[in-house]
N, C-alpha and C. Protein backbone atom coordinates (compact mmCIF):
# COMPACT_ATOMS: atom_id res chain seq x y z
N MET A 1 -0.91 -2.59 21.44
CA MET A 1 -2.15 -2.63 20.69
C MET A 1 -2.11 -3.82 19.73
N PRO A 2 -3.06 -4.70 19.82
CA PRO A 2 -3.07 -5.87 18.93
C PRO A 2 -3.24 -5.46 17.49
N LYS A 3 -2.46 -6.10 16.62
CA LYS A 3 -2.50 -5.75 15.20
C LYS A 3 -3.86 -5.96 14.58
N GLU A 4 -4.59 -6.99 14.99
CA GLU A 4 -5.85 -7.28 14.35
C GLU A 4 -6.89 -6.19 14.59
N LYS A 5 -6.73 -5.38 15.62
CA LYS A 5 -7.65 -4.30 15.92
C LYS A 5 -7.07 -2.94 15.55
N GLN A 6 -5.84 -2.91 15.13
CA GLN A 6 -5.13 -1.67 14.84
C GLN A 6 -5.50 -1.12 13.47
N THR A 7 -5.72 0.18 13.40
CA THR A 7 -5.98 0.81 12.10
C THR A 7 -4.68 1.40 11.58
N LEU A 8 -4.70 1.75 10.32
CA LEU A 8 -3.54 2.39 9.71
C LEU A 8 -3.21 3.69 10.43
N GLN A 9 -4.23 4.47 10.73
CA GLN A 9 -4.02 5.74 11.42
C GLN A 9 -3.37 5.54 12.79
N GLU A 10 -3.84 4.56 13.54
CA GLU A 10 -3.26 4.26 14.85
C GLU A 10 -1.81 3.83 14.73
N ALA A 11 -1.53 3.01 13.73
CA ALA A 11 -0.15 2.55 13.51
C ALA A 11 0.77 3.72 13.16
N LEU A 12 0.29 4.62 12.31
CA LEU A 12 1.09 5.79 11.94
C LEU A 12 1.34 6.69 13.14
N GLU A 13 0.34 6.87 13.98
CA GLU A 13 0.51 7.68 15.18
C GLU A 13 1.53 7.07 16.13
N LYS A 14 1.44 5.75 16.32
CA LYS A 14 2.40 5.05 17.18
C LYS A 14 3.81 5.13 16.58
N LEU A 15 3.91 5.01 15.28
CA LEU A 15 5.20 5.11 14.61
C LEU A 15 5.81 6.49 14.81
N GLU A 16 4.99 7.52 14.75
CA GLU A 16 5.48 8.88 14.97
C GLU A 16 6.02 9.04 16.39
N ILE A 17 5.34 8.46 17.36
CA ILE A 17 5.82 8.51 18.75
C ILE A 17 7.15 7.82 18.88
N ILE A 18 7.29 6.65 18.25
CA ILE A 18 8.54 5.89 18.30
C ILE A 18 9.67 6.69 17.68
N VAL A 19 9.43 7.30 16.53
CA VAL A 19 10.46 8.09 15.85
C VAL A 19 10.90 9.25 16.76
N ASN A 20 9.94 9.90 17.38
CA ASN A 20 10.27 10.99 18.29
C ASN A 20 11.08 10.50 19.48
N ASP A 21 10.69 9.36 20.05
CA ASP A 21 11.43 8.78 21.18
C ASP A 21 12.85 8.41 20.79
N LEU A 22 13.01 7.83 19.60
CA LEU A 22 14.35 7.42 19.15
C LEU A 22 15.21 8.63 18.79
N GLY A 23 14.58 9.75 18.53
CA GLY A 23 15.33 10.96 18.21
C GLY A 23 15.92 11.66 19.41
N LYS A 24 15.55 11.24 20.60
CA LYS A 24 16.07 11.84 21.82
C LYS A 24 17.52 11.40 22.03
N LYS A 25 18.28 12.25 22.66
CA LYS A 25 19.71 11.98 22.83
C LYS A 25 20.01 10.89 23.85
N ASP A 26 19.19 10.74 24.86
CA ASP A 26 19.50 9.83 25.96
C ASP A 26 18.64 8.57 25.94
N VAL A 27 18.60 7.90 24.80
CA VAL A 27 17.80 6.68 24.66
C VAL A 27 18.63 5.49 25.15
N ASP A 28 18.02 4.72 26.04
CA ASP A 28 18.64 3.48 26.51
C ASP A 28 18.76 2.52 25.33
N VAL A 29 19.87 1.82 25.24
CA VAL A 29 20.13 0.95 24.10
C VAL A 29 19.07 -0.14 23.97
N GLU A 30 18.76 -0.82 25.06
CA GLU A 30 17.77 -1.90 24.99
C GLU A 30 16.39 -1.37 24.67
N ALA A 31 16.01 -0.26 25.28
CA ALA A 31 14.70 0.34 25.00
C ALA A 31 14.66 0.84 23.56
N GLY A 32 15.76 1.42 23.12
CA GLY A 32 15.85 1.90 21.73
C GLY A 32 15.70 0.76 20.74
N LEU A 33 16.34 -0.35 21.03
CA LEU A 33 16.26 -1.51 20.15
C LEU A 33 14.82 -2.06 20.11
N GLU A 34 14.18 -2.09 21.27
CA GLU A 34 12.79 -2.56 21.32
C GLU A 34 11.87 -1.62 20.55
N HIS A 35 12.07 -0.32 20.69
CA HIS A 35 11.29 0.65 19.92
C HIS A 35 11.54 0.46 18.42
N PHE A 36 12.79 0.23 18.06
CA PHE A 36 13.12 0.04 16.66
C PHE A 36 12.42 -1.19 16.10
N ARG A 37 12.43 -2.29 16.86
CA ARG A 37 11.73 -3.51 16.44
C ARG A 37 10.24 -3.24 16.24
N GLU A 38 9.65 -2.53 17.20
CA GLU A 38 8.23 -2.22 17.09
C GLU A 38 7.97 -1.34 15.87
N GLY A 39 8.89 -0.39 15.64
CA GLY A 39 8.76 0.48 14.47
C GLY A 39 8.81 -0.29 13.17
N VAL A 40 9.70 -1.24 13.07
CA VAL A 40 9.80 -2.07 11.86
C VAL A 40 8.50 -2.85 11.66
N SER A 41 7.98 -3.39 12.73
CA SER A 41 6.72 -4.12 12.65
C SER A 41 5.58 -3.21 12.20
N LEU A 42 5.54 -2.00 12.72
CA LEU A 42 4.51 -1.05 12.33
C LEU A 42 4.64 -0.64 10.86
N ILE A 43 5.87 -0.47 10.41
CA ILE A 43 6.09 -0.12 9.00
C ILE A 43 5.59 -1.24 8.10
N LYS A 44 5.88 -2.47 8.46
CA LYS A 44 5.40 -3.61 7.67
C LYS A 44 3.87 -3.64 7.63
N PHE A 45 3.26 -3.40 8.78
CA PHE A 45 1.80 -3.36 8.86
C PHE A 45 1.24 -2.26 7.98
N CYS A 46 1.84 -1.06 8.05
CA CYS A 46 1.38 0.07 7.24
C CYS A 46 1.52 -0.22 5.75
N ARG A 47 2.63 -0.79 5.37
CA ARG A 47 2.84 -1.14 3.95
C ARG A 47 1.78 -2.12 3.48
N GLN A 48 1.47 -3.11 4.31
CA GLN A 48 0.48 -4.12 3.97
C GLN A 48 -0.90 -3.45 3.81
N GLN A 49 -1.24 -2.56 4.73
CA GLN A 49 -2.53 -1.88 4.65
C GLN A 49 -2.62 -0.98 3.41
N LEU A 50 -1.56 -0.28 3.11
CA LEU A 50 -1.54 0.59 1.93
C LEU A 50 -1.62 -0.22 0.65
N LYS A 51 -0.92 -1.34 0.60
CA LYS A 51 -0.98 -2.21 -0.58
C LYS A 51 -2.38 -2.76 -0.77
N SER A 52 -3.01 -3.15 0.32
CA SER A 52 -4.37 -3.65 0.25
C SER A 52 -5.33 -2.58 -0.26
N ALA A 53 -5.17 -1.37 0.24
CA ALA A 53 -6.03 -0.26 -0.22
C ALA A 53 -5.77 0.03 -1.69
N GLU A 54 -4.50 0.01 -2.09
CA GLU A 54 -4.16 0.25 -3.49
C GLU A 54 -4.82 -0.80 -4.39
N ASN A 55 -4.75 -2.06 -3.99
CA ASN A 55 -5.35 -3.13 -4.77
C ASN A 55 -6.86 -2.95 -4.88
N GLU A 56 -7.48 -2.52 -3.80
CA GLU A 56 -8.92 -2.30 -3.84
C GLU A 56 -9.28 -1.14 -4.77
N PHE A 57 -8.49 -0.06 -4.73
CA PHE A 57 -8.72 1.07 -5.64
C PHE A 57 -8.60 0.62 -7.10
N ILE A 58 -7.58 -0.18 -7.39
CA ILE A 58 -7.37 -0.66 -8.75
C ILE A 58 -8.56 -1.51 -9.18
N LYS A 59 -9.02 -2.40 -8.30
CA LYS A 59 -10.15 -3.26 -8.62
C LYS A 59 -11.40 -2.42 -8.89
N LEU A 60 -11.66 -1.43 -8.04
CA LEU A 60 -12.84 -0.59 -8.22
C LEU A 60 -12.75 0.23 -9.50
N LYS A 61 -11.56 0.72 -9.82
CA LYS A 61 -11.36 1.48 -11.05
C LYS A 61 -11.64 0.60 -12.27
N GLU A 62 -11.14 -0.62 -12.22
CA GLU A 62 -11.38 -1.57 -13.33
C GLU A 62 -12.87 -1.86 -13.48
N GLU A 63 -13.57 -2.00 -12.36
CA GLU A 63 -15.01 -2.23 -12.41
C GLU A 63 -15.73 -1.06 -13.07
N LEU A 64 -15.30 0.15 -12.76
CA LEU A 64 -15.89 1.33 -13.37
C LEU A 64 -15.62 1.40 -14.87
N GLU A 65 -14.42 1.02 -15.26
CA GLU A 65 -14.07 1.05 -16.68
C GLU A 65 -14.87 0.02 -17.46
N VAL A 66 -15.06 -1.16 -16.88
CA VAL A 66 -15.86 -2.20 -17.55
C VAL A 66 -17.30 -1.72 -17.65
N GLU A 67 -17.80 -1.13 -16.61
CA GLU A 67 -19.17 -0.62 -16.61
C GLU A 67 -19.34 0.49 -17.64
N LYS A 68 -18.34 1.31 -17.79
CA LYS A 68 -18.36 2.41 -18.74
C LYS A 68 -18.42 1.89 -20.19
N GLU A 69 -17.70 0.79 -20.45
CA GLU A 69 -17.65 0.21 -21.79
C GLU A 69 -18.99 -0.42 -22.19
N ASN A 70 -19.77 -0.82 -21.22
CA ASN A 70 -21.04 -1.51 -21.52
C ASN A 70 -22.13 -0.53 -21.74
């Protein structure tokens, strides 16, 4: 799934699948490593999305506080 079209929810769902796959006892080393790489990429994407949302919440809260003072 291309990152530019991926939502946070989709990334979290894919990450859950990867975690479940890696939790199996008979994981092939190369496949496991590829899943791990993809998982790390998904975690970075999720962190970026959450940070962006947090920044937007902070900005909106500040706008409300300024509006309240006026």
